[in-house]
Protein backbone atom coordinates (compact mmCIF):
# COMPACT_ATOMS: atom_id res chain seq x y z
CA UNK A 1 -1.95 25.43 -17.29
CA UNK A 2 1.63 25.29 -18.54
CA UNK A 3 3.22 22.41 -20.40
CA UNK A 4 5.11 21.46 -17.20
CA UNK A 5 1.87 21.44 -15.24
CA UNK A 6 0.67 17.91 -15.85
CA UNK A 7 -2.81 16.81 -16.67
CA UNK A 8 -4.31 14.22 -14.35
CA UNK A 9 -2.43 11.09 -15.40
CA UNK A 10 -5.08 8.43 -15.06
CA UNK A 11 -3.91 6.32 -18.00
CA UNK A 12 -3.37 3.51 -15.50
CA UNK A 13 -5.85 2.05 -13.08
CA UNK A 14 -4.10 3.39 -10.01
CA UNK A 15 -5.24 0.61 -7.70
CA UNK A 16 -5.70 -2.72 -9.40
CA UNK A 17 -8.34 -4.39 -7.23
CA UNK A 18 -9.33 -6.75 -10.05
CA UNK A 19 -10.12 -10.30 -9.01
CA UNK A 20 -11.08 -13.19 -11.25
CA UNK A 21 -13.98 -15.46 -10.29
CA UNK A 22 -14.79 -18.80 -11.90
CA UNK A 23 -17.16 -21.49 -10.65
CA UNK A 24 -16.67 -25.14 -11.60
CA UNK A 25 -19.17 -27.99 -11.90
CA UNK A 26 -19.35 -31.74 -12.31
CA UNK A 27 -18.42 -32.91 -15.86
CA UNK A 28 -20.41 -36.15 -15.51
CA UNK A 29 -23.66 -36.36 -17.44
CA UNK A 30 -25.14 -39.36 -15.64
CA UNK A 31 -25.68 -37.68 -12.25
CA UNK A 32 -29.03 -36.47 -10.90
CA UNK A 33 -30.37 -33.02 -9.91
CA UNK A 34 -28.35 -31.25 -12.63
CA UNK A 35 -30.81 -28.38 -13.05
CA UNK A 36 -31.02 -27.77 -9.30
CA UNK A 37 -27.25 -27.97 -8.94
CA UNK A 38 -26.56 -25.46 -11.71
CA UNK A 39 -29.12 -23.05 -10.29
CA UNK A 40 -27.40 -23.34 -6.91
CA UNK A 41 -23.98 -22.71 -8.46
CA UNK A 42 -25.20 -19.63 -10.29
CA UNK A 43 -26.83 -18.23 -7.16
CA UNK A 44 -23.62 -18.73 -5.15
CA UNK A 45 -21.55 -17.18 -7.93
CA UNK A 46 -23.80 -14.15 -8.42
CA UNK A 47 -24.11 -13.54 -4.69
CA UNK A 48 -20.34 -13.52 -4.31
CA UNK A 49 -19.95 -11.09 -7.22
CA UNK A 50 -22.39 -8.71 -5.56
CA UNK A 51 -20.74 -8.91 -2.14
CA UNK A 52 -17.25 -8.38 -3.55
CA UNK A 53 -18.34 -5.39 -5.60
CA UNK A 54 -19.88 -3.90 -2.46
CA UNK A 55 -16.41 -4.18 -0.89
CA UNK A 56 -14.86 -2.19 -3.73
CA UNK A 57 -13.43 -5.03 -5.82
CA UNK A 58 -13.83 -5.17 -9.57
CA UNK A 59 -14.85 -8.75 -10.28
CA UNK A 60 -13.75 -10.09 -13.66
CA UNK A 61 -16.51 -12.57 -14.48
CA UNK A 62 -16.27 -13.86 -18.07
CA UNK A 63 -18.30 -16.91 -17.12
CA UNK A 64 -21.50 -14.88 -17.03
CA UNK A 65 -21.07 -13.98 -20.72
CA UNK A 66 -19.69 -17.28 -21.95
CA UNK A 67 -21.50 -18.73 -24.97
CA UNK A 68 -22.61 -22.26 -24.06
CA UNK A 69 -24.06 -25.12 -26.08
CA UNK A 70 -25.40 -26.84 -22.98
CA UNK A 71 -27.65 -25.67 -20.17
CA UNK A 72 -24.94 -25.76 -17.51
CA UNK A 73 -23.62 -22.81 -15.54
CA UNK A 74 -20.40 -24.18 -14.10
CA UNK A 75 -17.16 -24.71 -16.02
CA UNK A 76 -16.50 -28.38 -16.71
CA UNK A 77 -14.11 -28.71 -19.66
CA UNK A 78 -10.76 -27.47 -20.94
CA UNK A 79 -12.19 -25.48 -23.87
CA UNK A 80 -14.27 -23.32 -21.53
CA UNK A 81 -11.32 -22.99 -19.18
CA UNK A 82 -9.09 -21.71 -22.00
CA UNK A 83 -11.63 -19.06 -22.99
CA UNK A 84 -12.00 -17.81 -19.43
CA UNK A 85 -8.26 -17.87 -18.76
CA UNK A 86 -7.72 -15.65 -21.81
CA UNK A 87 -10.09 -13.04 -20.39
CA UNK A 88 -8.31 -13.15 -17.05
CA UNK A 89 -4.99 -12.55 -18.82
CA UNK A 90 -6.44 -9.60 -20.74
CA UNK A 91 -7.78 -8.03 -17.56
CA UNK A 92 -4.53 -8.60 -15.64
CA UNK A 93 -6.27 -9.89 -12.53
CA UNK A 94 -4.57 -9.71 -9.14
CA UNK A 95 -6.08 -12.87 -7.67
CA UNK A 96 -8.13 -15.91 -8.68
CA UNK A 97 -11.17 -17.24 -6.82
CA UNK A 98 -12.18 -20.80 -7.71
CA UNK A 99 -15.77 -21.59 -6.74
CA UNK A 100 -16.02 -25.21 -5.59
CA UNK A 101 -19.71 -24.97 -4.70
CA UNK A 102 -20.44 -28.58 -5.62
CA UNK A 103 -18.38 -31.50 -6.86
CA UNK A 104 -15.87 -30.79 -9.60
CA UNK A 105 -12.88 -32.71 -10.83
CA UNK A 106 -9.78 -31.03 -9.35
CA UNK A 107 -7.69 -31.00 -12.51
CA UNK A 108 -9.65 -28.06 -13.97
CA UNK A 109 -9.07 -25.57 -11.11
CA UNK A 110 -5.47 -26.79 -10.94
CA UNK A 111 -4.95 -26.23 -14.67
CA UNK A 112 -6.31 -22.69 -14.43
CA UNK A 113 -4.15 -21.87 -11.40
CA UNK A 114 -1.08 -23.10 -13.26
CA UNK A 115 -1.89 -20.94 -16.28
CA UNK A 116 -2.47 -17.73 -14.37
CA UNK A 117 0.17 -18.00 -11.59
CA UNK A 118 -1.51 -15.45 -9.32
CA UNK A 119 -2.60 -15.77 -5.68
CA UNK A 120 -5.38 -18.36 -5.73
CA UNK A 121 -8.10 -19.30 -3.28
CA UNK A 122 -10.74 -22.01 -3.21
CA UNK A 123 -14.18 -21.20 -1.87
CA UNK A 124 -17.35 -23.08 -1.03
CA UNK A 125 -20.38 -23.02 1.26
CA UNK A 126 -20.97 -25.35 4.17
CA UNK A 127 -24.30 -26.96 3.30
CA UNK A 128 -25.62 -30.50 3.49
CA UNK A 129 -27.46 -30.14 0.17
CA UNK A 130 -24.38 -30.14 -2.07
CA UNK A 131 -20.86 -31.65 -1.75
CA UNK A 132 -18.96 -28.37 -1.68
CA UNK A 133 -16.83 -29.40 1.30
CA UNK A 134 -15.79 -32.58 -0.50
CA UNK A 135 -14.95 -30.54 -3.59
CA UNK A 136 -12.80 -27.92 -1.86
CA UNK A 137 -10.87 -30.52 0.14
CA UNK A 138 -10.28 -32.68 -2.92
CA UNK A 139 -9.18 -29.72 -5.02
CA UNK A 140 -6.94 -28.38 -2.27
CA UNK A 141 -5.33 -31.78 -1.86
CA UNK A 142 -4.59 -31.86 -5.59
CA UNK A 143 -3.05 -28.39 -5.33
CA UNK A 144 -0.75 -29.63 -2.58
CA UNK A 145 0.05 -32.84 -4.43
CA UNK A 146 1.12 -30.77 -7.42
CA UNK A 147 2.78 -27.83 -5.62
CA UNK A 148 3.93 -26.75 -9.08
CA UNK A 149 4.14 -23.09 -8.07
CA UNK A 150 4.34 -21.06 -4.89
CA UNK A 151 0.76 -19.81 -5.22
CA UNK A 152 -0.59 -23.30 -5.84
CA UNK A 153 1.21 -24.76 -2.86
CA UNK A 154 0.22 -21.79 -0.67
CA UNK A 155 -3.37 -21.44 -1.87
CA UNK A 156 -6.05 -20.25 0.55
CA UNK A 157 -9.39 -21.91 1.35
CA UNK A 158 -12.56 -20.23 2.57
CA UNK A 159 -15.68 -21.96 3.86
CA UNK A 160 -18.70 -19.65 3.79
CA UNK A 161 -21.91 -20.18 5.67
CA UNK A 162 -25.20 -20.01 3.83
CA UNK A 163 -25.08 -16.25 4.35
CA UNK A 164 -22.12 -14.67 2.53
CA UNK A 165 -21.85 -12.09 5.34
CA UNK A 166 -20.25 -14.72 7.57
CA UNK A 167 -16.88 -13.97 9.24
CA UNK A 168 -15.22 -16.06 6.54
CA UNK A 169 -16.32 -13.51 3.94
CA UNK A 170 -14.46 -10.82 5.88
CA UNK A 171 -11.37 -13.03 5.78
CA UNK A 172 -11.81 -13.55 2.04
CA UNK A 173 -11.98 -9.77 1.54
CA UNK A 174 -8.83 -9.31 3.62
CA UNK A 175 -7.01 -12.01 1.63
CA UNK A 176 -8.04 -10.37 -1.64
CA UNK A 177 -6.84 -6.94 -0.48
CA UNK A 178 -3.50 -8.50 0.43
CA UNK A 179 -3.27 -10.16 -2.99
CA UNK A 180 -4.15 -6.91 -4.76
CA UNK A 181 -1.57 -4.97 -2.76
CA UNK A 182 1.05 -7.56 -3.70
CA UNK A 183 0.09 -7.16 -7.36
CA UNK A 184 0.46 -3.40 -7.01
CA UNK A 185 4.00 -3.84 -5.75
CA UNK A 186 4.90 -6.45 -8.36
CA UNK A 187 3.74 -4.37 -11.32
CA UNK A 188 4.59 -0.79 -10.28
CA UNK A 189 7.72 1.36 -10.24
CA UNK A 190 9.43 2.73 -7.15
CA UNK A 191 11.08 6.07 -7.94
CA UNK A 192 14.19 7.11 -6.02
CA UNK A 193 15.64 10.60 -6.29
CA UNK A 194 19.15 9.97 -5.02
CA UNK A 195 21.17 6.76 -4.87
CA UNK A 196 22.11 4.92 -1.73
CA UNK A 197 20.79 5.38 1.78
CA UNK A 198 21.39 8.67 3.56
CA UNK A 199 23.77 9.09 6.49
CA UNK A 200 25.34 5.65 5.97
CA UNK A 201 22.26 3.81 7.29
CA UNK A 202 22.97 0.41 5.74
CA UNK A 203 19.67 -1.06 6.92
CA UNK A 204 17.87 1.25 4.48
CA UNK A 205 19.67 -0.38 1.55
CA UNK A 206 18.52 -3.49 -0.34
CA UNK A 207 19.30 -6.15 -2.91
CA UNK A 208 17.14 -4.74 -5.71
CA UNK A 209 17.62 -7.59 -8.24
CA UNK A 210 16.57 -10.07 -5.56
CA UNK A 211 13.49 -8.01 -4.61
CA UNK A 212 12.46 -7.95 -8.27
CA UNK A 213 12.29 -11.74 -8.23
CA UNK A 214 9.31 -11.86 -5.89
CA UNK A 215 8.12 -8.51 -4.57
CA UNK A 216 8.64 -5.39 -6.68
CA UNK A 217 8.18 -4.59 -10.35
CA UNK A 218 10.84 -2.00 -11.07
CA UNK A 219 13.04 0.57 -9.39
CA UNK A 220 14.14 3.79 -11.08
CA UNK A 221 17.00 5.62 -9.39
CA UNK A 222 17.94 9.02 -10.72
CA UNK A 223 20.11 11.83 -9.41
CA UNK A 224 18.50 14.66 -7.46
CA UNK A 225 19.70 16.98 -10.22
CA UNK A 226 16.51 16.07 -12.10
CA UNK A 227 14.54 17.71 -9.29
CA UNK A 228 16.88 20.69 -9.07
CA UNK A 229 16.82 21.36 -12.81
CA UNK A 230 13.02 21.12 -12.97
CA UNK A 231 12.60 23.29 -9.87
CA UNK A 232 14.91 25.97 -11.25
CA UNK A 233 12.95 25.98 -14.51
CA UNK A 234 9.73 26.52 -12.55
CA UNK A 235 11.33 29.38 -10.59
CA UNK A 236 12.63 31.11 -13.71
CA UNK A 237 9.77 30.53 -16.13
CA UNK A 238 6.66 29.71 -14.10
CA UNK A 239 7.09 31.28 -10.67
CA UNK A 240 3.39 32.08 -10.50
CA UNK A 241 2.83 28.43 -9.59
CA UNK A 242 5.13 28.83 -6.59
CA UNK A 243 3.35 32.01 -5.51
CA UNK A 244 -0.04 30.35 -5.92
CA UNK A 245 0.97 27.37 -3.78
CA UNK A 246 2.20 29.62 -0.96
CA UNK A 247 -1.02 31.63 -1.19
CA UNK A 248 -3.03 28.38 -0.98
CA UNK A 249 -1.13 27.42 2.18
CA UNK A 250 -1.80 30.78 3.84
CA UNK A 251 -5.45 31.04 2.79
CA UNK A 252 -6.10 27.63 4.33
CA UNK A 253 -4.54 28.62 7.64
CA UNK A 254 -0.98 27.29 7.52
CA UNK A 255 1.28 29.38 9.76
CA UNK A 256 4.59 30.24 8.09
CA UNK A 257 7.23 31.54 10.51
CA UNK A 258 10.22 33.15 8.78
CA UNK A 259 13.46 33.87 10.61
CA UNK A 260 15.36 35.62 7.77
CA UNK A 261 18.21 33.11 8.08
CA UNK A 262 17.10 29.50 7.69
CA UNK A 263 13.53 30.00 6.47
CA UNK A 264 13.33 32.96 4.12
CA UNK A 265 11.01 33.88 1.29
CA UNK A 266 13.69 32.70 -1.13
CA UNK A 267 14.33 29.34 0.56
CA UNK A 268 10.60 28.66 0.86
CA UNK A 269 10.14 29.42 -2.84
CA UNK A 270 12.87 26.92 -3.72
CA UNK A 271 11.32 24.33 -1.42
CA UNK A 272 7.90 24.80 -3.03
CA UNK A 273 9.49 24.54 -6.47
CA UNK A 274 11.09 21.22 -5.48
CA UNK A 275 7.66 19.87 -4.51
CA UNK A 276 6.08 21.06 -7.77
CA UNK A 277 8.99 19.53 -9.67
CA UNK A 278 8.44 16.16 -7.98
CA UNK A 279 4.75 16.24 -8.87
CA UNK A 280 5.45 17.17 -12.48
CA UNK A 281 8.11 14.48 -12.86
CA UNK A 282 5.83 11.75 -11.48
CA UNK A 283 3.03 12.85 -13.80
CA UNK A 284 5.39 12.92 -16.77
CA UNK A 285 6.34 9.32 -16.07
CA UNK A 286 2.68 8.31 -15.99
CA UNK A 287 2.14 9.95 -19.35
CA UNK A 288 5.09 7.92 -20.67
CA UNK A 289 3.58 4.66 -19.42
CA UNK A 290 5.51 4.29 -16.16
CA UNK A 291 3.26 3.52 -13.18
CA UNK A 292 4.97 5.17 -10.22
CA UNK A 293 3.51 3.71 -7.02
CA UNK A 294 5.88 5.34 -4.54
CA UNK A 295 8.76 7.81 -4.33
CA UNK A 296 11.78 8.44 -2.15
CA UNK A 297 13.70 11.68 -1.90
CA UNK A 298 17.24 11.56 -0.51
CA UNK A 299 17.75 14.94 1.07
CA UNK A 300 21.08 14.73 2.87
CA UNK A 301 23.51 16.08 1.81
CA UNK A 302 22.82 16.62 -1.91
CA UNK A 303 19.75 18.83 -1.43
CA UNK A 304 19.99 20.01 2.17
CA UNK A 305 23.63 21.13 1.90
CA UNK A 306 24.90 21.12 -1.68
CA UNK A 307 21.76 22.63 -3.21
CA UNK A 308 21.21 24.49 0.02
CA UNK A 309 17.56 23.80 0.87
CA UNK A 310 15.68 20.92 2.45
CA UNK A 311 12.84 19.46 0.32
CA UNK A 312 10.45 18.86 3.23
CA UNK A 313 7.31 19.92 1.37
CA UNK A 314 7.74 16.99 -1.04
CA UNK A 315 7.03 14.16 1.48
CA UNK A 316 4.32 16.40 2.93
CA UNK A 317 2.29 17.05 -0.24
CA UNK A 318 3.24 14.43 -2.84
CA UNK A 319 1.11 11.90 -0.84
CA UNK A 320 -1.74 14.42 -0.36
CA UNK A 321 -4.65 14.23 -2.84
CA UNK A 322 -4.97 17.93 -3.65
CA UNK A 323 -3.14 21.24 -3.81
CA UNK A 324 -3.70 24.68 -5.32
CA UNK A 325 -3.89 23.13 -8.82
CA UNK A 326 -6.68 20.71 -7.92
CA UNK A 327 -7.02 16.99 -7.32
CA UNK A 328 -4.00 14.81 -8.03
CA UNK A 329 -2.50 11.39 -7.49
CA UNK A 330 -1.48 10.35 -3.99
CA UNK A 331 2.10 9.05 -4.14
CA UNK A 332 3.44 7.44 -0.94
CA UNK A 333 6.70 9.25 -0.25
CA UNK A 334 9.61 8.45 2.05
CA UNK A 335 12.96 10.02 2.79
CA UNK A 336 16.62 9.02 2.90
CA UNK A 337 16.55 6.38 0.16
CA UNK A 338 14.73 3.89 2.40
CA UNK A 339 13.74 1.03 0.09
CA UNK A 340 12.10 -1.21 2.69
CA UNK A 341 10.37 1.85 4.13
CA UNK A 342 8.91 2.69 0.73
CA UNK A 343 7.80 -0.91 0.19
CA UNK A 344 6.08 -0.80 3.60
CA UNK A 345 4.30 2.43 2.68
CA UNK A 346 3.19 1.19 -0.76
CA UNK A 347 1.95 -2.02 0.87
CA UNK A 348 -0.27 -0.05 3.26
CA UNK A 349 -1.49 2.17 0.43
CA UNK A 350 -2.46 -0.90 -1.57
CA UNK A 351 -4.52 -2.13 1.38
CA UNK A 352 -6.03 1.29 2.06
CA UNK A 353 -5.93 3.20 -1.25
CA UNK A 354 -8.24 5.99 -0.11
CA UNK A 355 -5.56 7.28 2.28
CA UNK A 356 -1.83 7.45 1.64
CA UNK A 357 0.32 6.37 4.58
CA UNK A 358 2.37 8.31 7.09
CA UNK A 359 6.14 7.69 7.15
CA UNK A 360 8.65 8.76 9.74
CA UNK A 361 11.22 8.04 12.43
CA UNK A 362 10.52 6.48 15.78
CA UNK A 363 11.62 9.52 17.76
CA UNK A 364 10.35 9.14 21.32
CA UNK A 365 9.15 6.41 23.67
CA UNK A 366 6.85 6.84 26.65
CA UNK A 367 5.22 4.22 28.85
CA UNK A 368 2.04 4.07 26.79
CA UNK A 369 2.97 5.46 23.37
CA UNK A 370 5.73 5.94 20.84
CA UNK A 371 6.13 8.95 18.56
CA UNK A 372 6.62 8.97 14.79
CA UNK A 373 8.30 12.22 13.75
CA UNK A 374 9.83 12.56 10.31
CA UNK A 375 12.77 14.91 9.88
CA UNK A 376 10.99 17.94 8.51
CA UNK A 377 7.97 16.71 6.57
CA UNK A 378 5.16 14.19 6.81
CA UNK A 379 1.99 13.43 4.87
CA UNK A 380 -0.20 16.51 5.35
CA UNK A 381 -3.31 14.34 5.70
CA UNK A 382 -2.28 13.41 9.23
CA UNK A 383 -2.30 17.01 10.43
CA UNK A 384 -6.05 16.56 10.89
CA UNK A 385 -6.77 13.07 9.49
CA UNK A 386 -8.68 14.87 6.77
CA UNK A 387 -8.66 15.56 3.04
CA UNK A 388 -10.03 19.05 3.69
CA UNK A 389 -7.13 21.50 3.17
CA UNK A 390 -8.78 24.02 5.48
CA UNK A 391 -8.70 21.53 8.36
CA UNK A 392 -5.30 20.13 7.47
CA UNK A 393 -3.38 23.34 6.91
CA UNK A 394 -4.94 25.23 9.82
CA UNK A 395 -3.49 22.53 12.08
CA UNK A 396 0.02 22.80 10.61
CA UNK A 397 2.92 25.21 10.34
CA UNK A 398 6.17 25.77 8.46
CA UNK A 399 9.08 26.76 10.68
CA UNK A 400 12.86 26.94 10.21
CA UNK A 401 14.56 23.56 9.91
CA UNK A 402 17.09 22.38 12.48
CA UNK A 403 19.36 20.81 9.85
CA UNK A 404 20.53 21.69 6.35
CA UNK A 405 21.64 25.08 5.04
CA UNK A 406 18.15 26.56 4.68
CA UNK A 407 14.56 25.42 4.49
CA UNK A 408 11.37 24.97 6.43
CA UNK A 409 9.92 22.00 8.29
CA UNK A 410 6.24 21.23 7.75
CA UNK A 411 5.04 20.37 11.24
CA UNK A 412 1.87 19.28 13.02
CA UNK A 413 0.59 17.10 15.84
CA UNK A 414 -1.79 14.38 14.66
CA UNK A 415 -5.10 14.45 16.57
CA UNK A 416 -6.27 11.46 18.58
CA UNK A 417 -8.32 8.73 16.89
CA UNK A 418 -11.17 6.67 18.32
CA UNK A 419 -10.34 3.72 16.08
CA UNK A 420 -7.09 1.84 15.65
CA UNK A 421 -4.35 2.50 13.14
CA UNK A 422 -1.96 -0.03 11.60
CA UNK A 423 1.81 0.49 11.56
CA UNK A 424 4.30 -1.74 9.78
CA UNK A 425 7.89 -2.18 8.63
CA UNK A 426 9.62 -4.67 6.35
CA UNK A 427 13.02 -5.67 7.76
CA UNK A 428 15.83 -8.02 6.79
CA UNK A 429 18.11 -10.05 9.07
CA UNK A 430 20.82 -12.28 7.61
CA UNK A 431 19.07 -12.24 4.20
CA UNK A 432 15.75 -13.31 5.76
CA UNK A 433 12.76 -10.97 5.54
CA UNK A 434 10.28 -10.24 8.33
CA UNK A 435 7.26 -7.94 8.43
CA UNK A 436 6.80 -6.15 11.72
CA UNK A 437 3.38 -4.67 12.43
CA UNK A 438 1.00 -3.61 15.15
CA UNK A 439 -2.25 -1.91 16.04
CA UNK A 440 -2.92 1.04 18.30
CA UNK A 441 -4.87 4.26 18.48
CA UNK A 442 -3.31 7.65 17.85
CA UNK A 443 -3.19 9.20 21.31
CA UNK A 444 -2.59 12.59 22.85
CA UNK A 445 1.01 13.75 22.82
CA UNK A 446 1.63 15.03 26.34
CA UNK A 447 5.28 16.02 26.01
CA UNK A 448 6.26 19.62 25.28
CA UNK A 449 8.07 19.90 21.96
CA UNK A 450 9.40 23.43 22.14
CA UNK A 451 13.15 23.93 22.16
CA UNK A 452 13.97 20.28 21.50
CA UNK A 453 15.64 18.67 18.50
CA UNK A 454 13.06 18.41 15.77
CA UNK A 455 10.34 20.12 17.77
CA UNK A 456 9.12 21.73 14.56
CA UNK A 457 8.67 18.37 12.80
CA UNK A 458 5.37 16.50 12.32
CA UNK A 459 4.61 14.34 15.39
CA UNK A 460 2.19 11.42 15.72
CA UNK A 461 1.82 9.56 19.05
CA UNK A 462 0.80 5.91 18.64
CA UNK A 463 -0.46 3.70 21.44
CA UNK A 464 2.21 1.29 22.72
CA UNK A 465 0.86 -2.09 23.85
CA UNK A 466 4.13 -3.73 24.89
CA UNK A 467 6.82 -2.45 27.24
CA UNK A 468 9.04 0.23 25.78
CA UNK A 469 12.08 -1.89 26.69
CA UNK A 470 10.76 -4.80 24.60
CA UNK A 471 9.71 -2.45 21.79
CA UNK A 472 13.15 -0.88 21.46
CA UNK A 473 14.79 -4.32 21.43
CA UNK A 474 12.41 -5.72 18.81
CA UNK A 475 11.81 -3.01 16.23
CA UNK A 476 13.97 -3.54 13.16
CA UNK A 477 14.36 0.01 11.84
CA UNK A 478 14.09 3.62 12.92
CA UNK A 479 11.45 4.20 10.21
CA UNK A 480 7.86 2.94 10.25
CA UNK A 481 4.80 3.47 8.06
CA UNK A 482 1.23 3.94 9.30
CA UNK A 483 -2.31 4.10 7.97
CA UNK A 484 -5.72 4.63 9.54
CA UNK A 485 -7.77 1.48 10.17
CA UNK A 486 -7.18 -2.12 11.22
CA UNK A 487 -5.40 -4.02 8.44
CA UNK A 488 -3.62 -6.62 10.53
CA UNK A 489 -5.52 -9.53 8.97
CA UNK A 490 -4.53 -8.27 5.52
CA UNK A 491 -0.89 -8.13 6.63
CA UNK A 492 -1.13 -11.70 7.92
CA UNK A 493 -2.37 -12.85 4.52
CA UNK A 494 0.27 -10.73 2.76
CA UNK A 495 2.95 -12.54 4.74
CA UNK A 496 1.38 -15.88 3.82
CA UNK A 497 1.49 -14.90 0.14
CA UNK A 498 5.17 -13.96 0.43
CA UNK A 499 6.22 -16.72 2.79
CA UNK A 500 7.68 -14.32 5.37
CA UNK A 501 6.97 -14.24 9.13
CA UNK A 502 4.77 -11.54 10.68
CA UNK A 503 6.09 -10.13 13.96
CA UNK A 504 3.49 -8.35 16.10
CA UNK A 505 4.90 -5.27 17.79
CA UNK A 506 1.70 -4.94 19.79
CA UNK A 507 1.90 -8.42 21.36
CA UNK A 508 4.48 -9.30 23.99
CA UNK A 509 4.51 -13.00 23.14
CA UNK A 510 5.13 -12.41 19.43
CA UNK A 511 7.85 -9.82 20.02
CA UNK A 512 9.65 -11.96 22.60
CA UNK A 513 9.43 -15.09 20.44
CA UNK A 514 11.03 -13.14 17.61
CA UNK A 515 13.92 -12.10 19.83
CA UNK A 516 14.35 -15.63 21.17
CA UNK A 517 14.56 -17.00 17.62
CA UNK A 518 17.48 -14.80 16.58
């Protein structure tokens, strides 16, 4: 391993699914059934911890280790609240769950929510034995009366049945995933190689200082020369890495079709070096304390023409979890300086951290599907919907690009899925933000791709549930992001947390209402 070949940079918790849980109780000493009540509170609290951990959340639970001078379980005074709040601050939680299992005075949950200023929900169980419903309604009313912050005013409430596996628990999990994904965006860094959107696409641009006020942590924009310089160093001093990557591609079944003009051994080597440079530069930032959560590479014209090679292997393998050098970080990657596209991809990755998203252009429309086809490279995972390089690469190819001076396109056709996928896109109209999203299976692509523009690109056909005429009128960008699984409920909660409308691109009524409102 060379000094440029980074160690696994896990100095950060890559996906911060930390949630804080605190359960409150009645501060009055003159009430009856105190022992029974506290036992009930503890059982509810412990059961919720277990269920959340089963869902993959890390529950920050300082209450369980709190030194008490009484025999109570629930929190009922400011001193205890201060101690617990301090632990939540130390752990940098993404969301706060306030257990209102029985009566509590609302000022304590309100005080904690004010201190932490994170997405906050109130939770209780619907039982006749204890006044949890009274408690959650009273506390929620106090939150509204105060409305001292956005998250207090827009708090969520969940009413569980006696069994925590009720549908409301699924909604709680979805809300928490949305809150954690928001935290990921608000605390991470978006890395852009190349300033400004490509090809004068103004809708890819953004008001970065404004976005930093409510949605993103930081944006680093640096010239593509950083990539070029690092790639050239790899080619001159560490070319064995380039050779090893190409060998890894071939051994796992990737078909490389040279034409001795556009895709040559030399241009492929430079393209591989650009990918390795991007990986090294992301890892170097992690080692320096910068948590990169997504990257954009602006290809045209600085790389594709001026440097003379398209960097299509970067958006193909920077999001993939492994290469010839072993396991690595998955970094959602987009092209053309698309800020809202990168935010959309990072959002989906926060909701579904096991799989990095697909990004690309809406290229074709048929009666029952639309096609996502990025201009020369797409997340290699979607070549087979698999982390197995043998399956992925044997279903893919590298062929000469149809644009740029030289370079190869990493192409594939995504196989059909039995379950739904989620696609989404953040858009802006007249300084107002909207999140467009929909569900649909990946379906068979029945159009021939040979001898057409971009036929050698990666193609993914997604089920279309509204008319193609309505779809083309409604969609707010030529780029969309996609992940496997149904995360529409999470996106609904994400929009609630941001205060932006969700437009369903898989529902005629929602799409038409959006158009009518413009």
